[in-house]
Amino acid sequence: MNVTYRTNFLLKIGIPLILFYMYFFQSHSTMTLVAAIVATIHYGAFGIDIHKKGNWTKVNLEHDQRTRSNAHFAGYITCWAIILLLFIGGVLVLHTDIPLTFPNVIAYTILASFVLRWIIRDYLNNREEIEDALPLN
């Protein structure tokens, strides 16, 4: 469903709020705090971008064919990165003296996959916006 940028931003900013609540009142896990900070930075940059472009009241066409295709491609790359990172992490946990446990490897891999997916998806979407803005000769 396509909604205004303001509504989309308000819905997405709830994720860091929930993560901060989980950190301060539930888990006290460093991983939760890191995820909350990364999500806050990501959605803060999203809000700044909306403000710069003046799109608060415009409809966010986030689910058109190109952005969906970019999200699928980013998910595909992230899937293979997760498989590779979990394999490497499992080998490191079993055969080295690195102070990691399997739950830590899984948690760090999940966080890294979210960040990687956001970076790839946003890069592809912004690249297409720039290409669309270029004048044709």
Protein backbone atom coordinates (compact mmCIF):
# COMPACT_ATOMS: atom_id res chain seq x y z
CA MET A 1 0.00 0.00 0.00
CA ASN A 2 1.38 3.37 -0.98
CA VAL A 3 1.05 6.00 1.77
CA THR A 4 2.41 9.52 2.25
CA TYR A 5 6.04 9.92 3.20
CA ARG A 6 4.99 11.29 6.61
CA THR A 7 2.89 8.22 7.44
CA ASN A 8 5.61 5.88 6.18
CA PHE A 9 8.22 7.68 8.30
CA LEU A 10 6.06 7.57 11.43
CA LEU A 11 5.43 3.84 10.99
CA LYS A 12 9.11 3.07 10.41
CA ILE A 13 10.37 5.18 13.33
CA GLY A 14 8.47 2.80 15.63
CA ILE A 15 11.11 0.10 15.03
CA PRO A 16 13.95 1.93 16.84
CA LEU A 17 11.54 2.95 19.61
CA ILE A 18 10.59 -0.68 20.19
CA LEU A 19 14.27 -1.70 20.14
CA PHE A 20 15.21 0.97 22.68
CA TYR A 21 12.30 -0.14 24.89
CA MET A 22 13.51 -3.73 24.63
CA TYR A 23 17.05 -2.69 25.58
CA PHE A 24 16.19 -0.49 28.56
CA PHE A 25 13.30 -2.50 30.04
CA GLN A 26 13.69 -6.09 28.84
CA SER A 27 16.97 -7.51 27.61
CA HIS A 28 19.89 -5.14 28.36
CA SER A 29 21.65 -6.84 25.44
CA THR A 30 24.38 -4.96 23.61
CA MET A 31 23.10 -6.40 20.34
CA THR A 32 19.69 -4.81 20.91
CA LEU A 33 21.31 -1.46 21.59
CA VAL A 34 23.44 -1.69 18.44
CA ALA A 35 20.38 -2.61 16.35
CA ALA A 36 18.45 0.32 17.85
CA ILE A 37 21.25 2.77 17.08
CA VAL A 38 21.67 1.51 13.50
CA ALA A 39 17.91 1.68 12.91
CA THR A 40 17.78 5.20 14.35
CA ILE A 41 20.58 6.35 12.06
CA HIS A 42 18.94 4.70 9.05
CA TYR A 43 15.49 6.18 9.65
CA GLY A 44 16.97 9.53 10.65
CA ALA A 45 18.73 9.70 7.29
CA PHE A 46 15.42 8.69 5.65
CA GLY A 47 13.64 11.57 7.42
CA ILE A 48 16.36 14.06 6.47
CA ASP A 49 16.12 12.96 2.84
CA ILE A 50 12.34 13.43 2.88
CA HIS A 51 12.73 16.88 4.41
CA LYS A 52 15.38 17.96 1.88
CA LYS A 53 13.16 16.94 -1.02
CA GLY A 54 10.01 18.43 0.56
CA ASN A 55 8.05 15.20 0.11
CA TRP A 56 6.25 15.02 3.48
CA THR A 57 2.75 15.24 1.96
CA LYS A 58 3.45 13.40 -1.30
CA VAL A 59 2.60 9.74 -1.82
CA ASN A 60 5.55 7.38 -1.40
CA LEU A 61 5.54 5.09 -4.43
CA GLU A 62 7.74 2.63 -2.64
CA HIS A 63 6.27 -0.44 -4.25
CA ASP A 64 6.66 0.21 -7.97
CA GLN A 65 8.32 -2.35 -10.19
CA ARG A 66 11.86 -0.94 -10.01
CA THR A 67 12.01 -0.57 -6.23
CA ARG A 68 10.52 -4.04 -5.78
CA SER A 69 13.11 -5.46 -8.18
CA ASN A 70 15.90 -3.68 -6.30
CA ALA A 71 14.63 -5.02 -2.98
CA HIS A 72 14.55 -8.58 -4.39
CA PHE A 73 18.09 -8.23 -5.74
CA ALA A 74 19.31 -6.86 -2.39
CA GLY A 75 17.61 -9.77 -0.61
CA TYR A 76 19.26 -12.26 -2.97
CA ILE A 77 22.73 -10.83 -2.34
CA THR A 78 22.03 -10.69 1.40
CA CYS A 79 20.91 -14.34 1.45
CA TRP A 80 24.21 -15.51 0.00
CA ALA A 81 26.13 -13.20 2.31
CA ILE A 82 24.31 -14.70 5.32
CA ILE A 83 25.16 -18.23 4.22
CA LEU A 84 28.82 -17.30 3.75
CA LEU A 85 29.06 -15.38 7.05
CA LEU A 86 27.39 -18.16 9.04
CA PHE A 87 29.75 -20.74 7.53
CA ILE A 88 32.82 -18.62 8.27
CA GLY A 89 31.52 -17.81 11.76
CA GLY A 90 30.87 -21.49 12.51
CA VAL A 91 34.36 -22.45 11.41
CA LEU A 92 35.88 -19.64 13.48
CA VAL A 93 33.90 -20.61 16.59
CA LEU A 94 34.91 -24.26 16.32
CA HIS A 95 38.55 -23.95 15.31
CA THR A 96 39.88 -20.76 16.89
CA ASP A 97 40.04 -19.13 20.30
CA ILE A 98 37.90 -16.16 19.31
CA PRO A 99 35.51 -15.45 22.20
CA LEU A 100 32.32 -15.89 20.17
CA THR A 101 29.42 -18.23 20.71
CA PHE A 102 27.00 -19.50 18.10
CA PRO A 103 24.18 -17.18 19.27
CA ASN A 104 26.55 -14.20 18.96
CA VAL A 105 27.55 -15.24 15.44
CA ILE A 106 23.91 -15.59 14.44
CA ALA A 107 22.93 -12.24 16.00
CA TYR A 108 25.81 -10.35 14.38
CA THR A 109 25.07 -11.99 11.03
CA ILE A 110 21.42 -10.94 11.21
CA LEU A 111 22.38 -7.36 12.03
CA ALA A 112 24.96 -7.30 9.23
CA SER A 113 22.40 -8.71 6.78
CA PHE A 114 19.91 -5.94 7.58
CA VAL A 115 22.56 -3.27 7.11
CA LEU A 116 23.82 -4.85 3.87
CA ARG A 117 20.27 -5.14 2.49
CA TRP A 118 19.50 -1.50 3.32
CA ILE A 119 22.73 -0.29 1.73
CA ILE A 120 22.28 -2.27 -1.51
CA ARG A 121 18.59 -1.42 -1.86
CA ASP A 122 19.08 2.28 -1.15
CA TYR A 123 22.09 2.50 -3.46
CA LEU A 124 20.17 0.93 -6.35
CA ASN A 125 17.08 3.06 -5.77
CA ASN A 126 19.10 6.29 -5.51
CA ARG A 127 21.11 5.39 -8.61
CA GLU A 128 17.92 5.01 -10.62
CA GLU A 129 16.58 8.33 -9.31
CA ILE A 130 19.78 10.02 -10.49
CA GLU A 131 19.61 8.32 -13.89
CA ASP A 132 15.97 9.41 -14.28
CA ALA A 133 16.92 13.02 -13.47
CA LEU A 134 19.68 13.18 -16.09
CA PRO A 135 18.65 14.93 -19.32
CA LEU A 136 18.70 12.88 -22.50
CA ASN A 137 20.93 14.11 -25.32
